[in-house]
């Protein structure tokens, strides 16, 4: 069986340039490596409060973003998580094989719950990694491209797969997390020590931002008191972040990007970065608007759900049989 690659994005907040560089830009290249399953993680979006209409619109936008980034629906499976009931059903089974202590050690849960009142923390936020593990397991995914903050969740999934396979035989595929080398972690333009994360209007470049707004944000990006365009995350985090953005969009190494700006002033360097970002976003936004207006995403999601359901239910039946659930179909 060819390798299966699985990626999901939550439709929460506006997607940023960081999401584009870290995930969307590279997805269409994965088709040569294996069978690709890309989904909109709308069930995961419910783990924190979100307005229904916002969730719906974000889901539509995300479907359009996937397609605008160059995904060919004939070569990949694109679907809504909530359109495949096996995600929820496998989650109900797998929650019995992951433990409270393991889940409470998850960094994302600790970070998010620390900002909330204890009586406002939903079970879904605590058990988020169980559903994520179910997402991965359902499609026998061997490769899971993720951001750095999700590596821990994939490692927990690997522990779960080991646990199930040791108890019931080799019924689940062992997944492996994969992180992008260039552009995997794009930082805020206003505070380059923090990740670009959908919640900082000044420091984040949103995929639906007007091009003039994008250019202004880059030209206003925090740098340092020096004058050398050099990659040095500790001493020059702002410049390093802009170099990362430039290198990722030009598809060159950081070292090659540094050489281009050896004698450049910060203003000229920022303008070059803004030019590259705006050129890429202009094409991307045009495709996004065409897909949105034509509603081409609707048929793609319907067909994707049919294919995803077929694959997911094969795994679900295998797990149900292994754990002793009676099948009377």
Protein backbone atom coordinates (compact mmCIF):
# COMPACT_ATOMS: atom_id res chain seq x y z
CA UNK A 1 0.00 0.00 0.00
CA UNK A 2 1.26 3.48 -0.87
CA UNK A 3 2.08 5.78 2.01
CA UNK A 4 -0.82 7.87 3.24
CA UNK A 5 -0.32 11.50 4.20
CA UNK A 6 -2.81 13.25 6.46
CA UNK A 7 -3.12 16.95 7.31
CA UNK A 8 -5.94 18.83 9.05
CA UNK A 9 -6.42 22.54 9.77
CA UNK A 10 -8.84 23.97 12.31
CA UNK A 11 -11.27 26.60 10.96
CA UNK A 12 -10.72 28.92 13.93
CA UNK A 13 -9.72 32.54 13.43
CA UNK A 14 -8.32 33.90 10.20
CA UNK A 15 -5.51 31.88 8.63
CA UNK A 16 -2.17 33.64 8.44
CA UNK A 17 0.87 33.76 6.21
CA UNK A 18 2.39 31.36 8.75
CA UNK A 19 -0.32 28.80 7.95
CA UNK A 20 0.27 29.32 4.24
CA UNK A 21 4.04 28.90 4.43
CA UNK A 22 4.01 26.12 7.00
CA UNK A 23 1.24 24.03 5.45
CA UNK A 24 -0.82 25.23 2.49
CA UNK A 25 1.99 26.14 0.09
CA UNK A 26 3.49 22.66 0.18
CA UNK A 27 0.42 20.43 0.10
CA UNK A 28 0.10 20.05 -3.66
CA UNK A 29 3.64 18.68 -3.81
CA UNK A 30 2.76 15.75 -1.57
CA UNK A 31 0.78 13.87 -4.24
CA UNK A 32 3.93 12.31 -5.67
CA UNK A 33 4.83 10.84 -2.28
CA UNK A 34 1.62 9.00 -1.51
CA UNK A 35 -2.14 9.08 -1.10
CA UNK A 36 -3.15 12.42 0.43
CA UNK A 37 -6.03 13.11 2.81
CA UNK A 38 -6.59 16.76 3.74
CA UNK A 39 -9.41 17.78 6.03
CA UNK A 40 -11.06 20.73 7.72
CA UNK A 41 -10.95 19.97 11.44
CA UNK A 42 -14.32 21.51 12.30
CA UNK A 43 -14.99 19.15 15.24
CA UNK A 44 -11.72 20.28 16.80
CA UNK A 45 -12.88 23.89 16.36
CA UNK A 46 -15.64 23.26 18.90
CA UNK A 47 -13.16 22.68 21.73
CA UNK A 48 -13.07 26.44 22.35
CA UNK A 49 -16.07 28.82 22.11
CA UNK A 50 -16.88 29.84 18.54
CA UNK A 51 -19.97 31.42 16.95
CA UNK A 52 -21.85 29.06 14.57
CA UNK A 53 -21.77 31.43 11.60
CA UNK A 54 -18.08 32.14 12.13
CA UNK A 55 -17.35 28.41 12.12
CA UNK A 56 -19.37 27.90 8.95
CA UNK A 57 -17.68 30.79 7.11
CA UNK A 58 -14.22 29.79 8.29
CA UNK A 59 -14.85 26.25 7.03
CA UNK A 60 -15.85 27.57 3.60
CA UNK A 61 -12.81 29.85 3.51
CA UNK A 62 -10.52 26.98 4.45
CA UNK A 63 -11.91 24.76 1.70
CA UNK A 64 -11.28 27.59 -0.77
CA UNK A 65 -7.77 28.16 0.64
CA UNK A 66 -6.87 24.50 0.18
CA UNK A 67 -7.96 24.65 -3.47
CA UNK A 68 -6.43 28.07 -4.12
CA UNK A 69 -3.11 26.73 -2.85
CA UNK A 70 -3.07 24.34 -5.80
CA UNK A 71 -4.69 21.15 -4.54
CA UNK A 72 -6.13 19.04 -7.34
CA UNK A 73 -9.31 17.37 -5.98
CA UNK A 74 -8.82 14.56 -8.49
CA UNK A 75 -5.50 13.66 -6.89
CA UNK A 76 -6.24 14.27 -3.19
CA UNK A 77 -9.14 13.68 -0.81
CA UNK A 78 -10.42 16.95 0.70
CA UNK A 79 -13.24 16.74 3.24
CA UNK A 80 -14.89 18.08 6.37
CA UNK A 81 -14.08 16.14 9.54
CA UNK A 82 -17.73 16.35 10.62
CA UNK A 83 -18.83 14.72 7.34
CA UNK A 84 -17.14 11.47 8.40
CA UNK A 85 -18.91 10.09 11.48
CA UNK A 86 -16.16 7.52 12.00
CA UNK A 87 -14.00 10.27 13.55
CA UNK A 88 -16.44 10.65 16.44
CA UNK A 89 -17.07 6.91 16.73
CA UNK A 90 -13.40 5.95 16.84
CA UNK A 91 -12.83 8.79 19.31
CA UNK A 92 -15.38 7.16 21.64
CA UNK A 93 -13.39 3.92 21.51
CA UNK A 94 -9.88 5.37 21.72
CA UNK A 95 -10.62 7.57 24.73
CA UNK A 96 -10.54 4.36 26.77
CA UNK A 97 -6.93 3.66 25.79
CA UNK A 98 -5.37 7.04 26.59
CA UNK A 99 -5.05 8.08 30.20
CA UNK A 100 -5.82 11.22 32.21
CA UNK A 101 -2.18 11.65 33.23
CA UNK A 102 -1.01 11.56 29.61
CA UNK A 103 -3.60 14.07 28.48
CA UNK A 104 -2.94 16.45 31.35
CA UNK A 105 0.75 16.62 30.35
CA UNK A 106 -0.03 17.93 26.86
CA UNK A 107 1.61 21.34 26.47
CA UNK A 108 -1.22 22.80 24.37
CA UNK A 109 -3.82 21.87 26.97
CA UNK A 110 -1.76 23.36 29.78
CA UNK A 111 -1.17 26.58 27.82
CA UNK A 112 -4.80 27.07 26.80
CA UNK A 113 -6.41 25.97 30.06
CA UNK A 114 -4.11 28.25 32.06
CA UNK A 115 -5.88 31.23 30.48
CA UNK A 116 -9.34 29.93 31.37
CA UNK A 117 -11.43 29.56 34.50
CA UNK A 118 -11.45 25.96 35.71
CA UNK A 119 -15.22 25.64 35.41
CA UNK A 120 -15.03 26.86 31.79
CA UNK A 121 -12.61 24.23 30.50
CA UNK A 122 -14.51 21.81 28.26
CA UNK A 123 -13.89 18.08 28.16
CA UNK A 124 -13.21 18.41 24.43
CA UNK A 125 -10.18 20.64 25.06
CA UNK A 126 -8.74 18.14 27.53
CA UNK A 127 -9.43 15.18 25.23
CA UNK A 128 -8.36 17.00 22.04
CA UNK A 129 -5.40 14.60 21.48
CA UNK A 130 -7.75 11.59 21.52
CA UNK A 131 -9.74 12.95 18.57
CA UNK A 132 -6.53 13.93 16.79
CA UNK A 133 -5.19 10.42 17.26
CA UNK A 134 -8.44 9.04 15.85
CA UNK A 135 -8.11 11.35 12.82
CA UNK A 136 -4.67 9.93 12.08
CA UNK A 137 -5.47 6.29 12.79
CA UNK A 138 -8.61 6.20 10.62
CA UNK A 139 -6.71 6.70 7.37
CA UNK A 140 -3.73 4.45 8.19
CA UNK A 141 -1.65 7.61 7.86
CA UNK A 142 2.09 6.99 7.95
CA UNK A 143 3.11 10.64 7.44
CA UNK A 144 1.54 13.52 9.37
CA UNK A 145 2.88 16.98 8.42
CA UNK A 146 2.34 19.22 11.46
CA UNK A 147 3.50 22.42 13.10
CA UNK A 148 5.99 22.24 15.95
CA UNK A 149 3.20 22.65 18.51
CA UNK A 150 1.51 19.44 17.32
CA UNK A 151 4.55 17.14 17.46
CA UNK A 152 3.66 16.09 21.03
CA UNK A 153 0.18 15.01 19.91
CA UNK A 154 1.57 12.80 17.15
CA UNK A 155 3.99 11.25 19.65
CA UNK A 156 1.02 10.45 21.91
CA UNK A 157 -0.72 8.88 18.89
CA UNK A 158 2.33 6.69 18.37
CA UNK A 159 2.11 5.58 22.02
CA UNK A 160 -1.56 4.76 21.48
CA UNK A 161 -0.84 2.75 18.32
CA UNK A 162 1.80 0.75 20.20
CA UNK A 163 -0.63 0.14 23.05
CA UNK A 164 -3.42 -1.07 20.74
CA UNK A 165 -1.14 -3.20 18.57
CA UNK A 166 0.50 -4.85 21.58
CA UNK A 167 -2.90 -5.76 22.97
CA UNK A 168 -4.84 -6.73 19.84
CA UNK A 169 -2.23 -7.50 17.19
CA UNK A 170 -0.88 -5.24 14.45
CA UNK A 171 -4.14 -3.60 13.42
CA UNK A 172 -3.03 0.06 13.29
CA UNK A 173 -0.45 1.86 11.14
CA UNK A 174 2.36 3.67 12.97
CA UNK A 175 2.36 7.38 12.01
CA UNK A 176 5.36 9.70 11.87
CA UNK A 177 5.27 13.46 12.40
CA UNK A 178 6.96 15.56 9.75
CA UNK A 179 7.87 19.23 10.17
CA UNK A 180 8.87 21.64 7.41
CA UNK A 181 12.53 22.72 7.45
CA UNK A 182 12.14 26.22 5.99
CA UNK A 183 9.24 28.35 7.12
CA UNK A 184 7.89 25.85 9.62
CA UNK A 185 7.53 28.51 12.29
CA UNK A 186 6.69 32.04 11.16
CA UNK A 187 6.71 34.61 13.93
CA UNK A 188 4.66 37.75 14.60
CA UNK A 189 5.87 40.89 12.82
CA UNK A 190 5.17 43.01 15.89
CA UNK A 191 6.76 40.57 18.37
CA UNK A 192 9.12 38.13 16.61
CA UNK A 193 9.55 36.12 19.81
CA UNK A 194 5.94 34.90 19.44
CA UNK A 195 4.44 32.71 16.76
CA UNK A 196 2.15 34.24 14.11
CA UNK A 197 -1.08 32.82 15.49
CA UNK A 198 -4.33 34.32 14.17
CA UNK A 199 -4.76 36.70 17.13
CA UNK A 200 -2.49 39.72 16.59
CA UNK A 201 -3.91 42.14 13.95
CA UNK A 202 -0.68 44.17 13.82
CA UNK A 203 1.78 41.30 13.81
CA UNK A 204 -0.14 38.76 11.75
CA UNK A 205 -0.52 38.75 7.99
CA UNK A 206 -3.95 37.28 7.29
CA UNK A 207 -4.57 35.49 3.99
CA UNK A 208 -7.55 37.76 3.23
CA UNK A 209 -5.69 41.00 4.05
CA UNK A 210 -5.65 43.66 1.35
CA UNK A 211 -2.26 43.76 -0.41
CA UNK A 212 -1.68 47.34 0.73
CA UNK A 213 -2.28 46.25 4.33
CA UNK A 214 0.16 43.35 3.92
CA UNK A 215 2.84 45.67 2.55
CA UNK A 216 2.32 48.16 5.38
CA UNK A 217 2.61 45.43 8.03
CA UNK A 218 5.89 44.16 6.58
CA UNK A 219 7.37 47.64 6.25
CA UNK A 220 6.41 48.28 9.90
CA UNK A 221 7.83 44.97 11.13
CA UNK A 222 9.97 45.13 14.28
CA UNK A 223 13.69 44.64 13.56
CA UNK A 224 16.62 45.82 15.71
CA UNK A 225 19.09 48.68 16.07
CA UNK A 226 21.67 47.10 13.78
CA UNK A 227 22.02 47.29 10.01
CA UNK A 228 23.14 43.82 8.93
CA UNK A 229 20.65 41.44 7.30
CA UNK A 230 21.72 38.27 9.02
CA UNK A 231 19.97 35.17 10.37
CA UNK A 232 20.42 35.23 14.14
CA UNK A 233 17.26 34.25 16.02
CA UNK A 234 18.63 35.19 19.44
CA UNK A 235 20.00 38.65 18.62
CA UNK A 236 18.03 39.55 15.48
CA UNK A 237 14.65 37.74 15.76
CA UNK A 238 12.81 40.26 13.54
CA UNK A 239 15.31 40.09 10.68
CA UNK A 240 15.54 36.31 11.05
CA UNK A 241 11.77 36.01 10.74
CA UNK A 242 11.67 38.13 7.58
CA UNK A 243 14.52 36.07 6.10
CA UNK A 244 12.55 32.91 6.88
CA UNK A 245 9.46 34.30 5.11
CA UNK A 246 11.50 35.39 2.09
CA UNK A 247 13.38 32.08 1.81
CA UNK A 248 10.21 30.01 2.19
CA UNK A 249 8.30 31.88 -0.52
CA UNK A 250 11.28 31.96 -2.91
CA UNK A 251 11.94 28.28 -2.09
CA UNK A 252 15.60 28.88 -1.32
CA UNK A 253 17.72 28.25 1.78
CA UNK A 254 18.21 30.81 4.55
CA UNK A 255 21.87 31.01 3.55
CA UNK A 256 20.96 31.86 -0.05
CA UNK A 257 18.54 34.53 1.19
CA UNK A 258 21.25 36.06 3.40
CA UNK A 259 23.62 36.32 0.43
CA UNK A 260 21.04 38.30 -1.57
CA UNK A 261 20.99 41.03 1.08
CA UNK A 262 24.64 41.22 2.17
CA UNK A 263 24.90 44.97 1.55
CA UNK A 264 21.22 45.88 1.86
CA UNK A 265 19.68 48.35 4.27
CA UNK A 266 16.72 47.27 6.36
CA UNK A 267 14.28 49.39 4.34
CA UNK A 268 15.35 47.83 1.04
CA UNK A 269 15.28 44.36 2.59
CA UNK A 270 11.75 44.86 3.92
CA UNK A 271 10.59 46.13 0.52
CA UNK A 272 11.99 42.98 -1.14
CA UNK A 273 10.18 40.78 1.40
CA UNK A 274 6.95 42.75 0.89
CA UNK A 275 7.27 42.39 -2.91
CA UNK A 276 7.62 38.61 -2.65
CA UNK A 277 4.74 38.22 -0.20
CA UNK A 278 2.38 40.50 -2.15
CA UNK A 279 3.17 38.80 -5.47
CA UNK A 280 2.33 35.39 -3.99
CA UNK A 281 -0.77 36.60 -2.16
CA UNK A 282 -2.14 38.41 -5.23
CA UNK A 283 -2.27 35.15 -7.19
CA UNK A 284 -3.55 33.18 -4.20
CA UNK A 285 -6.33 35.66 -3.36
CA UNK A 286 -7.52 35.79 -6.98
CA UNK A 287 -7.91 31.99 -7.03
CA UNK A 288 -9.63 32.09 -3.62
CA UNK A 289 -12.25 34.61 -4.85
CA UNK A 290 -12.95 32.57 -8.00
CA UNK A 291 -13.51 29.36 -6.02
CA UNK A 292 -15.64 31.14 -3.39
CA UNK A 293 -17.89 32.86 -5.94
CA UNK A 294 -18.39 29.74 -8.07
CA UNK A 295 -18.98 27.56 -4.96
CA UNK A 296 -16.75 24.96 -6.58
CA UNK A 297 -15.71 23.85 -3.09
CA UNK A 298 -19.14 22.31 -2.40
CA UNK A 299 -18.84 19.45 -4.89
CA UNK A 300 -15.21 18.87 -3.90
CA UNK A 301 -16.17 18.45 -0.22
CA UNK A 302 -19.09 16.15 -1.09
CA UNK A 303 -16.93 13.86 -3.21
CA UNK A 304 -14.14 13.98 -0.63
CA UNK A 305 -16.53 12.92 2.13
CA UNK A 306 -17.69 9.89 0.13
CA UNK A 307 -14.12 8.68 -0.40
CA UNK A 308 -13.03 9.50 3.17
CA UNK A 309 -16.01 7.65 4.65
CA UNK A 310 -15.19 4.56 2.64
CA UNK A 311 -11.56 4.45 3.86
CA UNK A 312 -12.33 5.47 7.45
CA UNK A 313 -15.05 2.87 7.92
CA UNK A 314 -12.70 0.06 6.91
CA UNK A 315 -10.37 1.02 9.77
CA UNK A 316 -13.26 1.56 12.17
CA UNK A 317 -14.67 -1.93 11.51
CA UNK A 318 -11.22 -3.44 12.02
CA UNK A 319 -10.87 -1.71 15.39
CA UNK A 320 -14.41 -2.57 16.51
CA UNK A 321 -13.84 -6.22 15.71
CA UNK A 322 -10.49 -6.24 17.54
CA UNK A 323 -11.84 -4.74 20.76
CA UNK A 324 -14.85 -7.06 20.81
CA UNK A 325 -17.71 -4.89 19.58
CA UNK A 326 -20.34 -7.06 17.90
CA UNK A 327 -20.83 -6.46 14.16
CA UNK A 328 -24.26 -7.48 12.90
CA UNK A 329 -24.14 -5.81 9.45
